[in-house]
Amino acid sequence: MIRAMRWRFDLLSLAWAVALFVLLVLLATVGARWGWVRSFFGDVLAVAWVYLVFKTFIAARVLPLALAAFGVGLLVELGQWLASTWHLQIPNRALRIVLGATADWWDVLAYAIGFVAVLAVEGAIRKFRAGRPPASAPRSSMPAR
């Protein structure tokens, strides 16, 4: 059965999205000299950040939201490829840093790793929550044996 997506506001997802955004800004500024670590790890985290932004406002299953976040990364790469093919350049320096300037297959791999990481983390969270009793569950009055 397909569950419909609904609008919602999830404060916890917003908090994680803001924290990840701060980390991405630090990677882009302080980590500017870190080479591939900044660019590759930043792209992995970018997919997770987009996922969290979507999760903040859209109530849906993990897979569709993670696929949408991965799709955003692929669209960014497509835009970079088209810009380089048509010899276009983004005039705003900050936007050029955020979106990137050159298409690269390593970026696509980083987005794919970010997609898999989102699925893994959400699966681990679901497994952790399944093993814990609900907060409102009554405790057993039976003594332990």
N, C-alpha and C. Protein backbone atom coordinates (compact mmCIF):
# COMPACT_ATOMS: atom_id res chain seq x y z
N MET A 1 0.83 -1.18 0.00
CA MET A 1 0.00 0.00 0.00
C MET A 1 0.88 1.24 0.00
N ILE A 2 0.53 2.20 -0.81
CA ILE A 2 1.30 3.44 -0.89
C ILE A 2 0.71 4.45 0.09
N ARG A 3 1.56 4.93 0.96
CA ARG A 3 1.13 5.97 1.89
C ARG A 3 1.36 7.32 1.26
N ALA A 4 0.40 8.19 1.40
CA ALA A 4 0.53 9.53 0.83
C ALA A 4 1.50 10.37 1.67
N MET A 5 2.17 11.26 0.98
CA MET A 5 3.02 12.21 1.69
C MET A 5 2.13 13.32 2.22
N ARG A 6 2.46 13.79 3.42
CA ARG A 6 1.70 14.86 4.05
C ARG A 6 2.66 15.94 4.50
N TRP A 7 2.16 17.17 4.54
CA TRP A 7 2.94 18.27 5.10
C TRP A 7 2.94 18.14 6.61
N ARG A 8 4.08 18.48 7.22
CA ARG A 8 4.19 18.45 8.68
C ARG A 8 5.38 19.30 9.06
N PHE A 9 5.58 19.46 10.36
CA PHE A 9 6.77 20.14 10.85
C PHE A 9 7.38 19.27 11.94
N ASP A 10 8.62 18.82 11.73
CA ASP A 10 9.33 17.97 12.68
C ASP A 10 10.51 18.75 13.23
N LEU A 11 10.40 19.17 14.48
CA LEU A 11 11.42 20.00 15.10
C LEU A 11 12.75 19.27 15.24
N LEU A 12 12.72 17.98 15.55
CA LEU A 12 13.96 17.22 15.70
C LEU A 12 14.73 17.14 14.36
N SER A 13 14.01 16.90 13.28
CA SER A 13 14.67 16.87 11.97
C SER A 13 15.24 18.23 11.62
N LEU A 14 14.52 19.30 11.97
CA LEU A 14 15.04 20.64 11.73
C LEU A 14 16.32 20.89 12.52
N ALA A 15 16.35 20.45 13.77
CA ALA A 15 17.55 20.63 14.60
C ALA A 15 18.74 19.90 13.99
N TRP A 16 18.52 18.66 13.52
CA TRP A 16 19.60 17.91 12.87
C TRP A 16 20.02 18.57 11.56
N ALA A 17 19.04 19.10 10.81
CA ALA A 17 19.36 19.77 9.55
C ALA A 17 20.21 21.02 9.80
N VAL A 18 19.88 21.78 10.84
CA VAL A 18 20.65 22.97 11.17
C VAL A 18 22.07 22.58 11.61
N ALA A 19 22.18 21.55 12.43
CA ALA A 19 23.50 21.09 12.88
C ALA A 19 24.35 20.62 11.69
N LEU A 20 23.74 19.89 10.78
CA LEU A 20 24.47 19.42 9.60
C LEU A 20 24.83 20.58 8.68
N PHE A 21 23.96 21.58 8.60
CA PHE A 21 24.26 22.77 7.79
C PHE A 21 25.48 23.50 8.35
N VAL A 22 25.54 23.62 9.67
CA VAL A 22 26.70 24.26 10.30
C VAL A 22 27.97 23.48 9.97
N LEU A 23 27.89 22.16 10.05
CA LEU A 23 29.04 21.32 9.71
C LEU A 23 29.45 21.51 8.24
N LEU A 24 28.47 21.60 7.35
CA LEU A 24 28.77 21.82 5.94
C LEU A 24 29.41 23.18 5.70
N VAL A 25 28.94 24.20 6.42
CA VAL A 25 29.55 25.53 6.29
C VAL A 25 30.98 25.50 6.81
N LEU A 26 31.21 24.81 7.91
CA LEU A 26 32.58 24.68 8.44
C LEU A 26 33.47 23.94 7.45
N LEU A 27 32.94 22.90 6.83
CA LEU A 27 33.72 22.18 5.82
C LEU A 27 34.07 23.07 4.63
N ALA A 28 33.12 23.91 4.23
CA ALA A 28 33.34 24.77 3.07
C ALA A 28 34.28 25.93 3.37
N THR A 29 34.35 26.36 4.62
CA THR A 29 35.18 27.52 4.96
C THR A 29 36.48 27.10 5.62
N VAL A 30 36.38 26.55 6.80
CA VAL A 30 37.58 26.15 7.55
C VAL A 30 38.30 25.00 6.84
N GLY A 31 37.53 24.09 6.27
CA GLY A 31 38.12 22.93 5.61
C GLY A 31 38.43 23.15 4.14
N ALA A 32 38.49 24.39 3.69
CA ALA A 32 38.72 24.69 2.27
C ALA A 32 40.04 24.11 1.77
N ARG A 33 41.00 23.94 2.64
CA ARG A 33 42.31 23.42 2.23
C ARG A 33 42.42 21.91 2.40
N TRP A 34 41.33 21.25 2.73
CA TRP A 34 41.37 19.82 2.99
C TRP A 34 41.16 18.99 1.73
N GLY A 35 41.05 19.63 0.58
CA GLY A 35 40.98 18.94 -0.70
C GLY A 35 39.80 18.00 -0.82
N TRP A 36 40.12 16.73 -1.14
CA TRP A 36 39.06 15.76 -1.43
C TRP A 36 38.20 15.47 -0.21
N VAL A 37 38.74 15.62 1.00
CA VAL A 37 37.93 15.37 2.20
C VAL A 37 36.77 16.34 2.23
N ARG A 38 37.06 17.61 1.99
CA ARG A 38 36.01 18.63 1.99
C ARG A 38 35.00 18.38 0.89
N SER A 39 35.48 18.14 -0.32
CA SER A 39 34.55 18.02 -1.44
C SER A 39 33.77 16.70 -1.39
N PHE A 40 34.44 15.58 -1.19
CA PHE A 40 33.77 14.28 -1.20
C PHE A 40 32.87 14.12 0.03
N PHE A 41 33.42 14.35 1.21
CA PHE A 41 32.63 14.20 2.44
C PHE A 41 31.52 15.24 2.49
N GLY A 42 31.78 16.42 1.96
CA GLY A 42 30.75 17.45 1.90
C GLY A 42 29.58 17.02 1.02
N ASP A 43 29.88 16.34 -0.09
CA ASP A 43 28.81 15.84 -0.96
C ASP A 43 28.02 14.72 -0.30
N VAL A 44 28.70 13.87 0.44
CA VAL A 44 28.00 12.81 1.19
C VAL A 44 27.05 13.45 2.20
N LEU A 45 27.55 14.43 2.94
CA LEU A 45 26.72 15.10 3.94
C LEU A 45 25.61 15.93 3.32
N ALA A 46 25.85 16.45 2.10
CA ALA A 46 24.84 17.27 1.44
C ALA A 46 23.56 16.48 1.18
N VAL A 47 23.70 15.23 0.79
CA VAL A 47 22.52 14.39 0.57
C VAL A 47 21.77 14.18 1.88
N ALA A 48 22.50 13.94 2.95
CA ALA A 48 21.87 13.77 4.27
C ALA A 48 21.17 15.06 4.69
N TRP A 49 21.79 16.20 4.41
CA TRP A 49 21.19 17.49 4.77
C TRP A 49 19.89 17.72 4.00
N VAL A 50 19.90 17.47 2.69
CA VAL A 50 18.68 17.64 1.89
C VAL A 50 17.60 16.69 2.40
N TYR A 51 17.98 15.46 2.73
CA TYR A 51 17.02 14.51 3.28
C TYR A 51 16.39 15.06 4.57
N LEU A 52 17.21 15.59 5.45
CA LEU A 52 16.68 16.12 6.71
C LEU A 52 15.79 17.34 6.49
N VAL A 53 16.11 18.17 5.52
CA VAL A 53 15.25 19.31 5.20
C VAL A 53 13.90 18.79 4.70
N PHE A 54 13.92 17.80 3.80
CA PHE A 54 12.67 17.21 3.33
C PHE A 54 11.90 16.60 4.49
N LYS A 55 12.60 15.87 5.37
CA LYS A 55 11.96 15.18 6.49
C LYS A 55 11.35 16.18 7.48
N THR A 56 11.92 17.37 7.54
CA THR A 56 11.38 18.40 8.43
C THR A 56 9.97 18.79 8.03
N PHE A 57 9.71 18.83 6.73
CA PHE A 57 8.43 19.37 6.25
C PHE A 57 7.52 18.35 5.58
N ILE A 58 8.01 17.15 5.30
CA ILE A 58 7.20 16.16 4.59
C ILE A 58 7.18 14.86 5.39
N ALA A 59 5.97 14.39 5.71
CA ALA A 59 5.81 13.10 6.37
C ALA A 59 5.70 12.04 5.29
N ALA A 60 6.73 11.24 5.16
CA ALA A 60 6.75 10.18 4.14
C ALA A 60 7.71 9.09 4.61
N ARG A 61 7.72 8.00 3.90
CA ARG A 61 8.65 6.93 4.23
C ARG A 61 10.08 7.37 3.93
N VAL A 62 11.02 6.63 4.48
CA VAL A 62 12.43 6.98 4.34
C VAL A 62 12.89 6.89 2.89
N LEU A 63 12.54 5.81 2.22
CA LEU A 63 13.06 5.59 0.86
C LEU A 63 12.68 6.70 -0.12
N PRO A 64 11.42 7.12 -0.20
CA PRO A 64 11.10 8.20 -1.15
C PRO A 64 11.83 9.51 -0.83
N LEU A 65 11.95 9.83 0.45
CA LEU A 65 12.65 11.06 0.81
C LEU A 65 14.14 10.96 0.50
N ALA A 66 14.74 9.80 0.79
CA ALA A 66 16.16 9.60 0.49
C ALA A 66 16.40 9.62 -1.01
N LEU A 67 15.50 9.01 -1.78
CA LEU A 67 15.63 9.05 -3.25
C LEU A 67 15.50 10.48 -3.77
N ALA A 68 14.60 11.26 -3.18
CA ALA A 68 14.44 12.65 -3.60
C ALA A 68 15.72 13.45 -3.30
N ALA A 69 16.32 13.20 -2.14
CA ALA A 69 17.57 13.89 -1.79
C ALA A 69 18.69 13.50 -2.75
N PHE A 70 18.78 12.22 -3.08
CA PHE A 70 19.76 11.73 -4.05
C PHE A 70 19.50 12.38 -5.42
N GLY A 71 18.23 12.49 -5.77
CA GLY A 71 17.85 13.13 -7.03
C GLY A 71 18.27 14.59 -7.10
N VAL A 72 18.17 15.29 -5.97
CA VAL A 72 18.63 16.68 -5.93
C VAL A 72 20.13 16.74 -6.24
N GLY A 73 20.89 15.83 -5.65
CA GLY A 73 22.33 15.78 -5.95
C GLY A 73 22.60 15.52 -7.41
N LEU A 74 21.85 14.59 -7.99
CA LEU A 74 22.02 14.29 -9.42
C LEU A 74 21.65 15.49 -10.28
N LEU A 75 20.60 16.21 -9.90
CA LEU A 75 20.23 17.42 -10.66
C LEU A 75 21.31 18.49 -10.57
N VAL A 76 21.94 18.62 -9.41
CA VAL A 76 23.05 19.57 -9.28
C VAL A 76 24.17 19.18 -10.23
N GLU A 77 24.50 17.89 -10.28
CA GLU A 77 25.56 17.43 -11.20
C GLU A 77 25.17 17.67 -12.65
N LEU A 78 23.92 17.42 -12.99
CA LEU A 78 23.45 17.67 -14.35
C LEU A 78 23.58 19.16 -14.67
N GLY A 79 23.21 20.01 -13.73
CA GLY A 79 23.36 21.45 -13.93
C GLY A 79 24.81 21.85 -14.14
N GLN A 80 25.71 21.26 -13.37
CA GLN A 80 27.13 21.55 -13.54
C GLN A 80 27.61 21.11 -14.93
N TRP A 81 27.18 19.94 -15.35
CA TRP A 81 27.60 19.44 -16.66
C TRP A 81 27.07 20.33 -17.78
N LEU A 82 25.78 20.72 -17.68
CA LEU A 82 25.20 21.59 -18.69
C LEU A 82 25.89 22.95 -18.71
N ALA A 83 26.21 23.49 -17.52
CA ALA A 83 26.89 24.79 -17.45
C ALA A 83 28.27 24.71 -18.10
N SER A 84 28.99 23.63 -17.86
CA SER A 84 30.32 23.51 -18.48
C SER A 84 30.21 23.27 -19.97
N THR A 85 29.19 22.54 -20.41
CA THR A 85 28.99 22.28 -21.83
C THR A 85 28.65 23.57 -22.58
N TRP A 86 27.83 24.40 -21.97
CA TRP A 86 27.41 25.65 -22.60
C TRP A 86 28.30 26.83 -22.20
N HIS A 87 29.40 26.54 -21.47
CA HIS A 87 30.37 27.56 -21.03
C HIS A 87 29.70 28.68 -20.22
N LEU A 88 28.85 28.28 -19.30
CA LEU A 88 28.20 29.22 -18.39
C LEU A 88 28.94 29.21 -17.06
N GLN A 89 28.91 30.33 -16.36
CA GLN A 89 29.53 30.39 -15.05
C GLN A 89 28.61 31.13 -14.10
N ILE A 90 28.49 30.62 -12.90
CA ILE A 90 27.67 31.26 -11.88
C ILE A 90 28.45 32.47 -11.37
N PRO A 91 27.90 33.68 -11.49
CA PRO A 91 28.65 34.87 -11.09
C PRO A 91 28.84 35.01 -9.57
N ASN A 92 27.91 34.48 -8.78
CA ASN A 92 27.98 34.61 -7.33
C ASN A 92 28.97 33.58 -6.78
N ARG A 93 30.03 34.05 -6.12
CA ARG A 93 31.07 33.15 -5.62
C ARG A 93 30.56 32.15 -4.60
N ALA A 94 29.72 32.63 -3.66
CA ALA A 94 29.19 31.75 -2.61
C ALA A 94 28.32 30.66 -3.21
N LEU A 95 27.48 31.02 -4.17
CA LEU A 95 26.63 30.04 -4.82
C LEU A 95 27.45 29.05 -5.63
N ARG A 96 28.54 29.54 -6.24
CA ARG A 96 29.43 28.66 -7.00
C ARG A 96 30.10 27.64 -6.08
N ILE A 97 30.43 28.06 -4.84
CA ILE A 97 31.04 27.14 -3.87
C ILE A 97 30.02 26.09 -3.44
N VAL A 98 28.78 26.53 -3.17
CA VAL A 98 27.75 25.61 -2.70
C VAL A 98 27.36 24.61 -3.79
N LEU A 99 27.12 25.09 -4.99
CA LEU A 99 26.66 24.22 -6.07
C LEU A 99 27.79 23.52 -6.79
N GLY A 100 28.99 24.06 -6.70
CA GLY A 100 30.12 23.48 -7.41
C GLY A 100 30.19 24.03 -8.82
N ALA A 101 31.32 23.80 -9.45
CA ALA A 101 31.53 24.37 -10.77
C ALA A 101 31.74 23.32 -11.85
N THR A 102 32.19 22.15 -11.47
CA THR A 102 32.47 21.12 -12.48
C THR A 102 31.78 19.81 -12.10
N ALA A 103 31.21 19.19 -13.13
CA ALA A 103 30.58 17.89 -12.93
C ALA A 103 31.66 16.83 -12.77
N ASP A 104 31.43 15.88 -11.89
CA ASP A 104 32.43 14.85 -11.61
C ASP A 104 31.71 13.57 -11.18
N TRP A 105 32.14 12.44 -11.71
CA TRP A 105 31.53 11.17 -11.34
C TRP A 105 31.79 10.83 -9.88
N TRP A 106 32.86 11.35 -9.32
CA TRP A 106 33.13 11.12 -7.89
C TRP A 106 32.04 11.77 -7.03
N ASP A 107 31.51 12.90 -7.51
CA ASP A 107 30.41 13.54 -6.79
C ASP A 107 29.17 12.64 -6.79
N VAL A 108 28.90 12.01 -7.92
CA VAL A 108 27.76 11.10 -8.01
C VAL A 108 27.96 9.93 -7.04
N LEU A 109 29.19 9.41 -6.96
CA LEU A 109 29.48 8.35 -6.00
C LEU A 109 29.26 8.84 -4.56
N ALA A 110 29.69 10.06 -4.28
CA ALA A 110 29.50 10.62 -2.94
C ALA A 110 28.01 10.75 -2.62
N TYR A 111 27.21 11.19 -3.60
CA TYR A 111 25.77 11.28 -3.38
C TYR A 111 25.16 9.91 -3.12
N ALA A 112 25.64 8.91 -3.86
CA ALA A 112 25.14 7.54 -3.65
C ALA A 112 25.51 7.04 -2.26
N ILE A 113 26.72 7.34 -1.81
CA ILE A 113 27.13 6.95 -0.45
C ILE A 113 26.28 7.67 0.58
N GLY A 114 25.98 8.94 0.34
CA GLY A 114 25.10 9.68 1.24
C GLY A 114 23.71 9.08 1.29
N PHE A 115 23.20 8.64 0.14
CA PHE A 115 21.90 7.98 0.07
C PHE A 115 21.90 6.70 0.91
N VAL A 116 22.92 5.87 0.73
CA VAL A 116 23.04 4.62 1.48
C VAL A 116 23.21 4.91 2.97
N ALA A 117 23.97 5.95 3.30
CA ALA A 117 24.18 6.31 4.71
C ALA A 117 22.86 6.73 5.36
N VAL A 118 22.05 7.48 4.64
CA VAL A 118 20.73 7.89 5.17
C VAL A 118 19.90 6.65 5.46
N LEU A 119 19.86 5.72 4.51
CA LEU A 119 19.08 4.49 4.72
C LEU A 119 19.62 3.69 5.91
N ALA A 120 20.95 3.63 6.04
CA ALA A 120 21.56 2.87 7.13
C ALA A 120 21.26 3.51 8.48
N VAL A 121 21.41 4.81 8.57
CA VAL A 121 21.16 5.51 9.84
C VAL A 121 19.68 5.40 10.23
N GLU A 122 18.79 5.63 9.27
CA GLU A 122 17.36 5.51 9.57
C GLU A 122 16.98 4.08 9.96
N GLY A 123 17.60 3.10 9.31
CA GLY A 123 17.35 1.70 9.68
C GLY A 123 17.84 1.39 11.08
N ALA A 124 19.01 1.92 11.43
CA ALA A 124 19.54 1.72 12.78
C ALA A 124 18.66 2.39 13.83
N ILE A 125 18.17 3.58 13.51
CA ILE A 125 17.26 4.28 14.44
C ILE A 125 15.98 3.49 14.61
N ARG A 126 15.43 2.99 13.52
CA ARG A 126 14.20 2.20 13.60
C ARG A 126 14.41 0.93 14.41
N LYS A 127 15.55 0.28 14.21
CA LYS A 127 15.85 -0.95 14.95
C LYS A 127 16.03 -0.65 16.45
N PHE A 128 16.69 0.47 16.75
CA PHE A 128 16.89 0.87 18.14
C PHE A 128 15.55 1.15 18.82
N ARG A 129 14.68 1.88 18.11
CA ARG A 129 13.37 2.22 18.68
C ARG A 129 12.49 0.99 18.83
N ALA A 130 12.63 0.02 17.95
CA ALA A 130 11.81 -1.20 18.03
C ALA A 130 12.18 -2.04 19.24
N GLY A 131 13.44 -1.95 19.68
CA GLY A 131 13.89 -2.72 20.83
C GLY A 131 13.54 -2.09 22.16
N ARG A 132 13.13 -0.83 22.15
CA ARG A 132 12.78 -0.14 23.39
C ARG A 132 11.28 -0.11 23.56
N PRO A 133 10.81 -0.29 24.79
CA PRO A 133 9.36 -0.17 25.02
C PRO A 133 8.95 1.29 24.90
N PRO A 134 7.72 1.56 24.51
CA PRO A 134 7.25 2.94 24.44
C PRO A 134 7.37 3.62 25.80
N ALA A 135 7.57 4.92 25.79
CA ALA A 135 7.76 5.67 27.03
C ALA A 135 6.54 5.58 27.94
N SER A 136 5.37 5.41 27.34
CA SER A 136 4.16 5.37 28.16
C SER A 136 3.76 3.94 28.56
N ALA A 137 4.58 2.97 28.21
CA ALA A 137 4.24 1.59 28.55
C ALA A 137 4.40 1.38 30.05
N PRO A 138 3.43 0.73 30.66
CA PRO A 138 3.55 0.48 32.11
C PRO A 138 4.63 -0.56 32.39
N ARG A 139 5.29 -0.38 33.49
CA ARG A 139 6.31 -1.34 33.89
C ARG A 139 5.64 -2.52 34.57
N SER A 140 6.26 -3.65 34.41
CA SER A 140 5.69 -4.86 35.00
C SER A 140 5.87 -4.82 36.51
N SER A 141 4.83 -5.24 37.22
CA SER A 141 4.92 -5.27 38.68
C SER A 141 5.43 -6.63 39.17
N MET A 142 5.70 -7.50 38.24
CA MET A 142 6.20 -8.82 38.60
C MET A 142 7.68 -8.71 38.95
N PRO A 143 8.12 -9.36 40.04
CA PRO A 143 9.54 -9.30 40.38
C PRO A 143 10.36 -10.09 39.36
N ALA A 144 11.57 -9.65 39.14
CA ALA A 144 12.47 -10.35 38.22
C ALA A 144 12.92 -11.65 38.85
N ARG A 145 13.05 -12.67 38.05
CA ARG A 145 13.46 -13.98 38.58
C ARG A 145 14.89 -14.26 38.28
